[in-house]
């Protein structure tokens, strides 16, 4: 059986962590011409596809790059075609935007299962900001009408199944992450809560070990 692929969780698009993460991804690939699948499910409207393709081709110059889109996105591909992109991929990339939107779209489409299966067979997963949040276990959905009320807890993709992640929120001392931790209550038992700051990244090995590029916050369920 193949070892599960590494998961690279980037806090932001700025700083040196992005370059280091993709250097490490390239080393993991060992010179292989990679097939990269990417998701723009975090974006509420069309746009960004060309920019994301260019970014990924710059980061992995020999890669074959393909988007997969699920129900609810503009430019949706048929489910079998989207699933085929995920199943062929050596690397899966999830970009920034709205973490609740990307989590709901991927989970509602059943794509979370495809993505977990891909990682289990060895595919590398890379998240950026909202994409990193969505690769964890849970996140919170706050009401626009009542933003001071506790959020609804929503399931995420669960590729990093032992983590709940927030990104670039160090200025408020990770208030939303701490709120999600509190609201999870007993469901948060055994999870770790990671705040990944600007210019930082958290790497999860195939065996589940954690490594930081930079560091901000890592709370256990008992903290």
C-alpha atoms as a PDB file:
ATOM      1  CA  UNK A   1       0.000   0.000   0.000  1.00  0.00           C
ATOM      2  CA  UNK A   2       1.256   3.525  -0.840  1.00  0.00           C
ATOM      3  CA  UNK A   3       1.949   5.942   1.989  1.00  0.00           C
ATOM      4  CA  UNK A   4      -0.502   8.803   2.200  1.00  0.00           C
ATOM      5  CA  UNK A   5       0.623  11.968   0.463  1.00  0.00           C
ATOM      6  CA  UNK A   6       1.901  14.985   2.350  1.00  0.00           C
ATOM      7  CA  UNK A   7      -0.413  17.914   3.057  1.00  0.00           C
ATOM      8  CA  UNK A   8       0.994  21.449   2.793  1.00  0.00           C
ATOM      9  CA  UNK A   9      -1.122  24.138   4.468  1.00  0.00           C
ATOM     10  CA  UNK A  10      -0.114  27.696   3.557  1.00  0.00           C
ATOM     11  CA  UNK A  11      -1.333  30.603   5.645  1.00  0.00           C
ATOM     12  CA  UNK A  12      -1.095  33.207   2.885  1.00  0.00           C
ATOM     13  CA  UNK A  13       0.250  33.860  -0.596  1.00  0.00           C
ATOM     14  CA  UNK A  14       2.953  36.210   0.714  1.00  0.00           C
ATOM     15  CA  UNK A  15       6.339  35.462   2.244  1.00  0.00           C
ATOM     16  CA  UNK A  16       8.875  32.781   1.542  1.00  0.00           C
ATOM     17  CA  UNK A  17       6.763  29.812   2.595  1.00  0.00           C
ATOM     18  CA  UNK A  18       5.066  29.517  -0.812  1.00  0.00           C
ATOM     19  CA  UNK A  19       8.359  29.069  -2.660  1.00  0.00           C
ATOM     20  CA  UNK A  20       9.643  26.633  -0.038  1.00  0.00           C
ATOM     21  CA  UNK A  21       6.453  24.572  -0.115  1.00  0.00           C
ATOM     22  CA  UNK A  22       6.561  24.141  -3.880  1.00  0.00           C
ATOM     23  CA  UNK A  23      10.277  23.322  -3.770  1.00  0.00           C
ATOM     24  CA  UNK A  24       9.396  20.568  -1.343  1.00  0.00           C
ATOM     25  CA  UNK A  25       6.514  19.414  -3.520  1.00  0.00           C
ATOM     26  CA  UNK A  26       8.900  19.176  -6.468  1.00  0.00           C
ATOM     27  CA  UNK A  27      11.318  17.096  -4.382  1.00  0.00           C
ATOM     28  CA  UNK A  28       8.473  14.792  -3.357  1.00  0.00           C
ATOM     29  CA  UNK A  29       7.680  14.288  -7.031  1.00  0.00           C
ATOM     30  CA  UNK A  30      11.295  13.294  -7.695  1.00  0.00           C
ATOM     31  CA  UNK A  31      11.488  14.781 -11.172  1.00  0.00           C
ATOM     32  CA  UNK A  32       8.186  13.262 -12.292  1.00  0.00           C
ATOM     33  CA  UNK A  33       6.113  15.322 -14.732  1.00  0.00           C
ATOM     34  CA  UNK A  34       3.235  15.935 -12.383  1.00  0.00           C
ATOM     35  CA  UNK A  35      -0.470  16.034 -13.062  1.00  0.00           C
ATOM     36  CA  UNK A  36      -1.911  18.849 -10.974  1.00  0.00           C
ATOM     37  CA  UNK A  37      -5.614  19.253 -10.284  1.00  0.00           C
ATOM     38  CA  UNK A  38      -6.836  22.519  -8.819  1.00  0.00           C
ATOM     39  CA  UNK A  39     -10.039  23.811  -7.281  1.00  0.00           C
ATOM     40  CA  UNK A  40     -11.447  27.346  -7.319  1.00  0.00           C
ATOM     41  CA  UNK A  41     -14.454  26.346  -5.206  1.00  0.00           C
ATOM     42  CA  UNK A  42     -13.536  29.006  -2.626  1.00  0.00           C
ATOM     43  CA  UNK A  43     -14.357  31.794  -5.095  1.00  0.00           C
ATOM     44  CA  UNK A  44     -17.969  33.020  -5.169  1.00  0.00           C
ATOM     45  CA  UNK A  45     -17.882  33.922  -8.873  1.00  0.00           C
ATOM     46  CA  UNK A  46     -15.949  33.065 -12.005  1.00  0.00           C
ATOM     47  CA  UNK A  47     -12.439  34.382 -12.417  1.00  0.00           C
ATOM     48  CA  UNK A  48      -8.979  33.471 -11.304  1.00  0.00           C
ATOM     49  CA  UNK A  49      -8.585  30.356 -13.432  1.00  0.00           C
ATOM     50  CA  UNK A  50      -5.947  31.800 -15.736  1.00  0.00           C
ATOM     51  CA  UNK A  51      -4.035  33.316 -12.845  1.00  0.00           C
ATOM     52  CA  UNK A  52      -4.089  30.035 -10.923  1.00  0.00           C
ATOM     53  CA  UNK A  53      -2.929  28.051 -13.955  1.00  0.00           C
ATOM     54  CA  UNK A  54      -0.066  30.484 -14.485  1.00  0.00           C
ATOM     55  CA  UNK A  55       0.902  30.326 -10.808  1.00  0.00           C
ATOM     56  CA  UNK A  56       0.958  26.515 -10.790  1.00  0.00           C
ATOM     57  CA  UNK A  57       2.872  26.305 -14.084  1.00  0.00           C
ATOM     58  CA  UNK A  58       5.411  28.740 -12.647  1.00  0.00           C
ATOM     59  CA  UNK A  59       5.724  26.742  -9.435  1.00  0.00           C
ATOM     60  CA  UNK A  60       5.898  23.339 -11.188  1.00  0.00           C
ATOM     61  CA  UNK A  61       7.051  24.190 -14.734  1.00  0.00           C
ATOM     62  CA  UNK A  62       6.671  20.742 -16.307  1.00  0.00           C
ATOM     63  CA  UNK A  63       3.287  20.028 -14.776  1.00  0.00           C
ATOM     64  CA  UNK A  64       0.085  19.188 -16.629  1.00  0.00           C
ATOM     65  CA  UNK A  65      -2.509  21.426 -14.957  1.00  0.00           C
ATOM     66  CA  UNK A  66      -6.292  20.852 -14.961  1.00  0.00           C
ATOM     67  CA  UNK A  67      -9.146  22.419 -13.033  1.00  0.00           C
ATOM     68  CA  UNK A  68     -11.930  20.394 -11.459  1.00  0.00           C
ATOM     69  CA  UNK A  69     -15.186  22.184 -10.665  1.00  0.00           C
ATOM     70  CA  UNK A  70     -18.185  20.880  -8.727  1.00  0.00           C
ATOM     71  CA  UNK A  71     -21.868  21.765  -8.439  1.00  0.00           C
ATOM     72  CA  UNK A  72     -22.438  25.356  -7.402  1.00  0.00           C
ATOM     73  CA  UNK A  73     -19.380  26.731  -9.196  1.00  0.00           C
ATOM     74  CA  UNK A  74     -19.476  28.675 -12.427  1.00  0.00           C
ATOM     75  CA  UNK A  75     -17.890  26.531 -15.087  1.00  0.00           C
ATOM     76  CA  UNK A  76     -18.925  23.282 -13.404  1.00  0.00           C
ATOM     77  CA  UNK A  77     -17.598  20.119 -15.024  1.00  0.00           C
ATOM     78  CA  UNK A  78     -19.655  16.934 -15.037  1.00  0.00           C
ATOM     79  CA  UNK A  79     -19.062  14.902 -11.875  1.00  0.00           C
ATOM     80  CA  UNK A  80     -17.297  12.010 -13.666  1.00  0.00           C
ATOM     81  CA  UNK A  81     -14.916  14.466 -15.355  1.00  0.00           C
ATOM     82  CA  UNK A  82     -14.186  16.322 -12.114  1.00  0.00           C
ATOM     83  CA  UNK A  83     -13.613  13.059 -10.294  1.00  0.00           C
ATOM     84  CA  UNK A  84     -11.281  11.838 -13.042  1.00  0.00           C
ATOM     85  CA  UNK A  85      -9.087  14.943 -12.601  1.00  0.00           C
ATOM     86  CA  UNK A  86      -8.817  14.215  -8.874  1.00  0.00           C
ATOM     87  CA  UNK A  87      -8.139  10.522  -9.388  1.00  0.00           C
ATOM     88  CA  UNK A  88      -5.354  11.169 -11.930  1.00  0.00           C
ATOM     89  CA  UNK A  89      -3.660  13.924  -9.940  1.00  0.00           C
ATOM     90  CA  UNK A  90      -0.258  13.706  -8.317  1.00  0.00           C
ATOM     91  CA  UNK A  91      -0.884  17.106  -6.684  1.00  0.00           C
ATOM     92  CA  UNK A  92      -4.171  18.757  -5.682  1.00  0.00           C
ATOM     93  CA  UNK A  93      -4.246  22.517  -5.057  1.00  0.00           C
ATOM     94  CA  UNK A  94      -6.996  24.440  -3.243  1.00  0.00           C
ATOM     95  CA  UNK A  95      -6.856  28.223  -3.537  1.00  0.00           C
ATOM     96  CA  UNK A  96      -7.999  31.052  -1.325  1.00  0.00           C
ATOM     97  CA  UNK A  97     -11.344  32.792  -0.963  1.00  0.00           C
ATOM     98  CA  UNK A  98     -14.264  31.848   1.290  1.00  0.00           C
ATOM     99  CA  UNK A  99     -13.534  28.819   3.528  1.00  0.00           C
ATOM    100  CA  UNK A 100     -17.201  28.069   4.227  1.00  0.00           C
ATOM    101  CA  UNK A 101     -18.049  28.164   0.533  1.00  0.00           C
ATOM    102  CA  UNK A 102     -15.271  25.800  -0.525  1.00  0.00           C
ATOM    103  CA  UNK A 103     -15.966  23.345   2.297  1.00  0.00           C
ATOM    104  CA  UNK A 104     -19.693  23.224   1.581  1.00  0.00           C
ATOM    105  CA  UNK A 105     -19.279  22.906  -2.170  1.00  0.00           C
ATOM    106  CA  UNK A 106     -16.744  20.084  -1.975  1.00  0.00           C
ATOM    107  CA  UNK A 107     -18.560  18.163   0.765  1.00  0.00           C
ATOM    108  CA  UNK A 108     -22.010  18.586  -0.824  1.00  0.00           C
ATOM    109  CA  UNK A 109     -20.640  17.287  -4.143  1.00  0.00           C
ATOM    110  CA  UNK A 110     -19.025  14.262  -2.488  1.00  0.00           C
ATOM    111  CA  UNK A 111     -15.627  15.507  -3.675  1.00  0.00           C
ATOM    112  CA  UNK A 112     -14.281  15.304  -0.125  1.00  0.00           C
ATOM    113  CA  UNK A 113     -14.330  11.502  -0.520  1.00  0.00           C
ATOM    114  CA  UNK A 114     -12.441  11.649  -3.838  1.00  0.00           C
ATOM    115  CA  UNK A 115      -9.852  13.979  -2.310  1.00  0.00           C
ATOM    116  CA  UNK A 116      -9.296  11.833   0.792  1.00  0.00           C
ATOM    117  CA  UNK A 117      -8.956   8.769  -1.425  1.00  0.00           C
ATOM    118  CA  UNK A 118      -6.426  10.599  -3.604  1.00  0.00           C
ATOM    119  CA  UNK A 119      -4.314  11.523  -0.597  1.00  0.00           C
ATOM    120  CA  UNK A 120      -4.523   7.953   0.731  1.00  0.00           C
ATOM    121  CA  UNK A 121      -3.004   6.634  -2.520  1.00  0.00           C
ATOM    122  CA  UNK A 122      -0.160   9.165  -2.309  1.00  0.00           C
ATOM    123  CA  UNK A 123      -1.360  12.393  -3.912  1.00  0.00           C
ATOM    124  CA  UNK A 124       0.049  15.593  -2.398  1.00  0.00           C
ATOM    125  CA  UNK A 125      -2.487  18.189  -1.229  1.00  0.00           C
ATOM    126  CA  UNK A 126      -1.668  21.907  -1.041  1.00  0.00           C
ATOM    127  CA  UNK A 127      -4.009  24.465   0.492  1.00  0.00           C
ATOM    128  CA  UNK A 128      -3.703  28.240   0.463  1.00  0.00           C
ATOM    129  CA  UNK A 129      -5.573  30.306   3.072  1.00  0.00           C
ATOM    130  CA  UNK A 130      -9.250  29.274   2.697  1.00  0.00           C
ATOM    131  CA  UNK A 131      -8.044  26.162   0.880  1.00  0.00           C
ATOM    132  CA  UNK A 132      -5.963  25.240   3.928  1.00  0.00           C
ATOM    133  CA  UNK A 133      -8.941  25.744   6.246  1.00  0.00           C
ATOM    134  CA  UNK A 134     -11.101  23.521   4.037  1.00  0.00           C
ATOM    135  CA  UNK A 135      -8.587  20.661   4.141  1.00  0.00           C
ATOM    136  CA  UNK A 136      -9.002  20.371   7.914  1.00  0.00           C
ATOM    137  CA  UNK A 137     -11.757  18.652   9.882  1.00  0.00           C
ATOM    138  CA  UNK A 138     -14.210  21.473  10.710  1.00  0.00           C
ATOM    139  CA  UNK A 139     -14.765  25.198  10.476  1.00  0.00           C
ATOM    140  CA  UNK A 140     -17.408  27.706  11.599  1.00  0.00           C
ATOM    141  CA  UNK A 141     -20.054  29.526   9.577  1.00  0.00           C
ATOM    142  CA  UNK A 142     -20.974  32.883  11.085  1.00  0.00           C
ATOM    143  CA  UNK A 143     -24.297  34.572  10.301  1.00  0.00           C
ATOM    144  CA  UNK A 144     -24.055  37.925   8.504  1.00  0.00           C
ATOM    145  CA  UNK A 145     -27.208  39.033  10.334  1.00  0.00           C
ATOM    146  CA  UNK A 146     -25.928  37.997  13.790  1.00  0.00           C
ATOM    147  CA  UNK A 147     -22.126  37.992  13.596  1.00  0.00           C
ATOM    148  CA  UNK A 148     -21.744  38.048  17.389  1.00  0.00           C
ATOM    149  CA  UNK A 149     -23.582  34.747  17.806  1.00  0.00           C
ATOM    150  CA  UNK A 150     -21.679  31.456  17.848  1.00  0.00           C
ATOM    151  CA  UNK A 151     -21.070  29.962  14.416  1.00  0.00           C
ATOM    152  CA  UNK A 152     -22.619  26.811  13.028  1.00  0.00           C
ATOM    153  CA  UNK A 153     -19.957  24.108  12.883  1.00  0.00           C
ATOM    154  CA  UNK A 154     -19.546  22.670   9.394  1.00  0.00           C
ATOM    155  CA  UNK A 155     -17.594  19.617   8.228  1.00  0.00           C
ATOM    156  CA  UNK A 156     -14.613  20.236   5.978  1.00  0.00           C
ATOM    157  CA  UNK A 157     -12.798  17.946   3.548  1.00  0.00           C
ATOM    158  CA  UNK A 158     -10.906  16.119   6.313  1.00  0.00           C
ATOM    159  CA  UNK A 159      -7.665  15.492   4.438  1.00  0.00           C
ATOM    160  CA  UNK A 160      -5.865  16.751   7.552  1.00  0.00           C
ATOM    161  CA  UNK A 161      -8.339  14.929   9.738  1.00  0.00           C
ATOM    162  CA  UNK A 162      -6.734  15.760  13.082  1.00  0.00           C
ATOM    163  CA  UNK A 163      -6.570  19.515  12.453  1.00  0.00           C
ATOM    164  CA  UNK A 164      -8.855  22.526  12.585  1.00  0.00           C
ATOM    165  CA  UNK A 165      -7.085  25.366  10.788  1.00  0.00           C
ATOM    166  CA  UNK A 166      -7.313  29.142  10.575  1.00  0.00           C
ATOM    167  CA  UNK A 167      -5.054  31.369   8.492  1.00  0.00           C
ATOM    168  CA  UNK A 168      -3.489  34.848   8.715  1.00  0.00           C
ATOM    169  CA  UNK A 169      -5.552  35.889  11.749  1.00  0.00           C
ATOM    170  CA  UNK A 170      -2.708  36.561  14.162  1.00  0.00           C
ATOM    171  CA  UNK A 171      -3.770  40.200  14.594  1.00  0.00           C
ATOM    172  CA  UNK A 172      -6.838  39.193  16.645  1.00  0.00           C
ATOM    173  CA  UNK A 173      -5.011  36.326  18.398  1.00  0.00           C
ATOM    174  CA  UNK A 174      -6.957  33.719  16.432  1.00  0.00           C
ATOM    175  CA  UNK A 175     -10.345  34.676  17.873  1.00  0.00           C
ATOM    176  CA  UNK A 176     -12.367  32.683  15.316  1.00  0.00           C
ATOM    177  CA  UNK A 177     -10.204  29.573  15.762  1.00  0.00           C
ATOM    178  CA  UNK A 178     -10.646  29.754  19.522  1.00  0.00           C
ATOM    179  CA  UNK A 179     -14.412  30.171  19.080  1.00  0.00           C
ATOM    180  CA  UNK A 180     -14.621  27.135  16.788  1.00  0.00           C
ATOM    181  CA  UNK A 181     -12.635  25.123  19.347  1.00  0.00           C
ATOM    182  CA  UNK A 182     -15.073  26.109  22.103  1.00  0.00           C
ATOM    183  CA  UNK A 183     -18.144  25.416  19.975  1.00  0.00           C
ATOM    184  CA  UNK A 184     -16.907  21.963  18.967  1.00  0.00           C
ATOM    185  CA  UNK A 185     -16.894  20.898  22.593  1.00  0.00           C
ATOM    186  CA  UNK A 186     -16.596  17.129  22.888  1.00  0.00           C
ATOM    187  CA  UNK A 187     -16.339  16.772  19.100  1.00  0.00           C
ATOM    188  CA  UNK A 188     -12.992  18.529  19.312  1.00  0.00           C
ATOM    189  CA  UNK A 189     -11.474  15.799  21.467  1.00  0.00           C
ATOM    190  CA  UNK A 190      -8.234  14.575  19.903  1.00  0.00           C
ATOM    191  CA  UNK A 191      -8.035  17.439  17.421  1.00  0.00           C
ATOM    192  CA  UNK A 192      -5.335  20.084  17.165  1.00  0.00           C
ATOM    193  CA  UNK A 193      -6.182  23.686  16.363  1.00  0.00           C
ATOM    194  CA  UNK A 194      -3.608  25.395  14.139  1.00  0.00           C
ATOM    195  CA  UNK A 195      -3.295  29.099  13.443  1.00  0.00           C
ATOM    196  CA  UNK A 196      -1.084  29.486  10.359  1.00  0.00           C
ATOM    197  CA  UNK A 197       0.149  33.052  10.067  1.00  0.00           C
ATOM    198  CA  UNK A 198       1.228  35.227   7.152  1.00  0.00           C
ATOM    199  CA  UNK A 199       4.287  33.701   5.502  1.00  0.00           C
ATOM    200  CA  UNK A 200       3.947  30.438   7.446  1.00  0.00           C
ATOM    201  CA  UNK A 201       2.964  26.898   6.523  1.00  0.00           C
ATOM    202  CA  UNK A 202       2.149  23.685   8.349  1.00  0.00           C
ATOM    203  CA  UNK A 203       3.139  20.381   6.762  1.00  0.00           C
ATOM    204  CA  UNK A 204       1.455  17.082   7.615  1.00  0.00           C
ATOM    205  CA  UNK A 205       3.482  13.999   6.699  1.00  0.00           C
ATOM    206  CA  UNK A 206       1.997  10.798   5.336  1.00  0.00           C
ATOM    207  CA  UNK A 207       2.258   9.364   8.830  1.00  0.00           C
ATOM    208  CA  UNK A 208       0.611  12.377  10.441  1.00  0.00           C
ATOM    209  CA  UNK A 209       3.639  14.203  11.906  1.00  0.00           C
ATOM    210  CA  UNK A 210       3.509  18.001  11.880  1.00  0.00           C
ATOM    211  CA  UNK A 211       6.295  20.335  10.714  1.00  0.00           C
ATOM    212  CA  UNK A 212       6.222  24.136  10.622  1.00  0.00           C
ATOM    213  CA  UNK A 213       7.694  26.628   8.187  1.00  0.00           C
ATOM    214  CA  UNK A 214       7.608  29.578  10.535  1.00  0.00           C
ATOM    215  CA  UNK A 215       5.187  29.137  13.395  1.00  0.00           C
ATOM    216  CA  UNK A 216       2.198  30.822  14.962  1.00  0.00           C
ATOM    217  CA  UNK A 217      -0.182  28.752  17.061  1.00  0.00           C
ATOM    218  CA  UNK A 218      -0.883  25.086  17.690  1.00  0.00           C
ATOM    219  CA  UNK A 219      -3.367  24.183  20.404  1.00  0.00           C
ATOM    220  CA  UNK A 220      -4.300  20.656  21.429  1.00  0.00           C
ATOM    221  CA  UNK A 221      -7.864  19.756  22.375  1.00  0.00           C
ATOM    222  CA  UNK A 222      -6.884  20.005  26.045  1.00  0.00           C
ATOM    223  CA  UNK A 223      -5.434  23.535  25.857  1.00  0.00           C
END
